[in-house]
Amino acid sequence: MSISKNRVVHATILAVTLWLSPGAHAADNPVVKEMEDYLEMVDYMGGTIFPRQIAREDWKDYFVIDARDADQYAKEHIPGAVNIDWRQVLARRAEFPKGKMLLLYCNSGTLSAQAAFALKLAGVENVLILQGGLSQWKAEGGFDASRRATQPAKH
């Protein structure tokens, strides 16, 4: 297998560009330092919770944020959830009630995880991500997920 001269030139240009870019020397960047500190202290699950871990009667204790776009929210959402697009969560953090745990979700957990990460870097500590998002919530039985998970298996 031979590598063309053209590919080698492009790879070299890309490597030099990346090396010279501001991000390559990020050690002095305070944002990068905050991310490093966060990653040092975060646990393996990173602030996630499964739908089955929340009993039906405990959902009222959460400020549930649907981090998907307005069209997706309009089609279906977890009852009681407030729609705040994942890109706006950080900018709208002053709207969050004090003393309640924030529970973010999207379709699968990917976008809500990014929003939660931004909130945690901004110093918001009371943030959880609904593992698996709306898809997992529905698959586990919605508000009945906890009850279903604790019932004995039927044979």
Protein backbone atom coordinates (compact mmCIF):
# COMPACT_ATOMS: atom_id res chain seq x y z
CA MET A 1 0.00 0.00 0.00
CA SER A 2 1.51 3.31 -1.03
CA ILE A 3 0.58 6.73 0.24
CA SER A 4 0.42 9.41 -2.40
CA LYS A 5 2.69 12.43 -2.18
CA ASN A 6 -0.43 14.62 -2.23
CA ARG A 7 -1.81 12.95 0.95
CA VAL A 8 1.53 13.38 2.73
CA VAL A 9 1.58 17.08 1.85
CA HIS A 10 -2.01 17.56 3.04
CA ALA A 11 -1.33 15.68 6.28
CA THR A 12 1.79 17.76 6.92
CA ILE A 13 -0.08 21.01 6.30
CA LEU A 14 -2.87 19.90 8.63
CA ALA A 15 -0.41 18.90 11.35
CA VAL A 16 1.46 22.22 11.15
CA THR A 17 -1.82 24.18 11.13
CA LEU A 18 -3.08 22.35 14.20
CA TRP A 19 0.24 22.80 15.97
CA LEU A 20 0.22 26.54 15.28
CA SER A 21 -3.44 27.00 16.20
CA PRO A 22 -4.35 28.64 19.54
CA GLY A 23 -5.95 25.41 20.75
CA ALA A 24 -2.67 23.56 20.52
CA HIS A 25 -1.23 25.75 23.28
CA ALA A 26 -4.28 25.54 25.48
CA ALA A 27 -2.38 24.84 28.69
CA ASP A 28 -2.59 28.54 29.57
CA ASN A 29 -6.28 28.81 28.70
CA PRO A 30 -8.45 29.19 31.85
CA VAL A 31 -11.37 27.41 30.17
CA VAL A 32 -9.20 24.39 29.47
CA LYS A 33 -7.96 24.49 33.07
CA GLU A 34 -11.57 24.44 34.31
CA MET A 35 -12.35 21.46 32.08
CA GLU A 36 -9.26 19.63 33.36
CA ASP A 37 -10.31 20.27 36.97
CA TYR A 38 -13.84 19.10 36.23
CA LEU A 39 -12.66 15.88 34.58
CA GLU A 40 -10.39 15.17 37.56
CA MET A 41 -13.30 15.24 40.02
CA VAL A 42 -16.26 13.85 38.03
CA ASP A 43 -17.31 10.31 38.80
CA TYR A 44 -17.66 7.57 36.20
CA MET A 45 -21.37 8.13 35.61
CA GLY A 46 -20.78 11.87 35.27
CA GLY A 47 -24.02 12.92 36.90
CA THR A 48 -26.37 10.60 35.06
CA ILE A 49 -29.49 8.91 36.36
CA PHE A 50 -31.62 6.21 34.76
CA PRO A 51 -35.40 6.66 34.51
CA ARG A 52 -35.85 3.57 36.69
CA GLN A 53 -33.97 5.31 39.51
CA ILE A 54 -36.66 7.98 39.90
CA ALA A 55 -39.85 6.93 41.64
CA ARG A 56 -43.07 8.37 40.23
CA GLU A 57 -43.63 10.51 43.35
CA ASP A 58 -40.08 11.95 43.17
CA TRP A 59 -40.37 13.53 39.71
CA LYS A 60 -41.88 16.63 41.34
CA ASP A 61 -38.53 17.22 43.07
CA TYR A 62 -36.78 17.84 39.75
CA PHE A 63 -36.78 20.80 37.40
CA VAL A 64 -36.96 18.79 34.18
CA ILE A 65 -35.47 20.40 31.08
CA ASP A 66 -36.16 19.03 27.61
CA ALA A 67 -33.01 20.18 25.81
CA ARG A 68 -34.30 19.36 22.33
CA ASP A 69 -35.55 21.93 19.84
CA ALA A 70 -39.08 23.35 20.05
CA ASP A 71 -40.43 21.20 17.20
CA GLN A 72 -39.36 17.96 18.87
CA TYR A 73 -40.73 19.17 22.20
CA ALA A 74 -44.07 20.00 20.58
CA LYS A 75 -44.36 16.47 19.15
CA GLU A 76 -43.75 14.75 22.50
CA HIS A 77 -42.04 15.37 25.80
CA ILE A 78 -42.01 14.22 29.39
CA PRO A 79 -45.04 15.82 31.07
CA GLY A 80 -43.99 18.75 33.23
CA ALA A 81 -40.73 19.33 31.35
CA VAL A 82 -39.70 22.83 30.32
CA ASN A 83 -38.28 23.23 26.82
CA ILE A 84 -34.90 24.97 26.73
CA ASP A 85 -32.81 24.16 23.67
CA TRP A 86 -29.47 22.65 24.73
CA ARG A 87 -27.60 25.59 23.18
CA GLN A 88 -29.55 28.03 25.39
CA VAL A 89 -29.33 26.22 28.74
CA LEU A 90 -26.23 28.06 29.93
CA ALA A 91 -27.55 31.48 28.88
CA ARG A 92 -30.88 30.84 30.65
CA ARG A 93 -29.52 29.38 33.89
CA ALA A 94 -30.82 32.35 35.91
CA GLU A 95 -34.35 31.05 35.22
CA PHE A 96 -33.75 27.78 37.09
CA PRO A 97 -35.43 27.44 40.47
CA LYS A 98 -33.15 27.40 43.48
CA GLY A 99 -33.12 24.27 45.59
CA LYS A 100 -34.28 21.82 42.92
CA MET A 101 -32.18 19.28 41.11
CA LEU A 102 -32.00 19.98 37.37
CA LEU A 103 -32.71 16.97 35.18
CA LEU A 104 -31.78 17.42 31.53
CA TYR A 105 -32.77 15.14 28.70
CA CYS A 106 -32.82 15.02 24.91
CA ASN A 107 -33.56 12.09 22.62
CA SER A 108 -30.66 9.91 23.70
CA GLY A 109 -28.62 11.88 26.23
CA THR A 110 -25.90 13.26 23.96
CA LEU A 111 -27.01 16.89 23.65
CA SER A 112 -28.23 17.12 27.23
CA ALA A 113 -24.82 15.84 28.37
CA GLN A 114 -23.13 18.73 26.54
CA ALA A 115 -25.51 21.22 28.14
CA ALA A 116 -24.97 19.69 31.60
CA PHE A 117 -21.21 19.81 31.12
CA ALA A 118 -21.41 23.52 30.28
CA LEU A 119 -23.58 24.16 33.35
CA LYS A 120 -21.18 22.30 35.62
CA LEU A 121 -18.24 24.28 34.25
CA ALA A 122 -20.24 27.43 35.01
CA GLY A 123 -20.53 26.30 38.63
CA VAL A 124 -24.05 24.84 38.57
CA GLU A 125 -23.71 21.76 40.78
CA ASN A 126 -27.28 20.43 40.93
CA VAL A 127 -27.38 18.90 37.44
CA LEU A 128 -28.26 15.37 36.34
CA ILE A 129 -28.59 13.89 32.86
CA LEU A 130 -31.39 11.44 32.16
CA GLN A 131 -29.41 8.47 30.86
CA GLY A 132 -30.73 7.44 27.45
CA GLY A 133 -32.96 10.49 27.18
CA LEU A 134 -36.59 10.40 26.13
CA SER A 135 -36.04 7.11 24.29
CA GLN A 136 -34.90 5.33 27.45
CA TRP A 137 -37.64 6.98 29.54
CA LYS A 138 -40.30 5.62 27.19
CA ALA A 139 -38.64 2.20 26.89
CA GLU A 140 -38.49 1.79 30.68
CA GLY A 141 -42.13 2.77 31.18
CA GLY A 142 -42.06 6.53 31.71
CA PHE A 143 -43.11 7.57 35.20
CA ASP A 144 -43.64 3.88 36.04
CA ALA A 145 -40.04 2.89 35.24
CA SER A 146 -39.04 2.64 38.90
CA ARG A 147 -42.05 0.51 39.82
CA ARG A 148 -41.48 -1.76 36.81
CA ALA A 149 -37.80 -2.18 37.65
CA THR A 150 -38.55 -3.29 41.20
CA GLN A 151 -41.31 -5.76 40.38
CA PRO A 152 -40.38 -9.42 40.48
CA ALA A 153 -39.90 -11.05 37.09
CA LYS A 154 -42.94 -12.91 35.81
CA HIS A 155 -42.30 -16.52 34.85
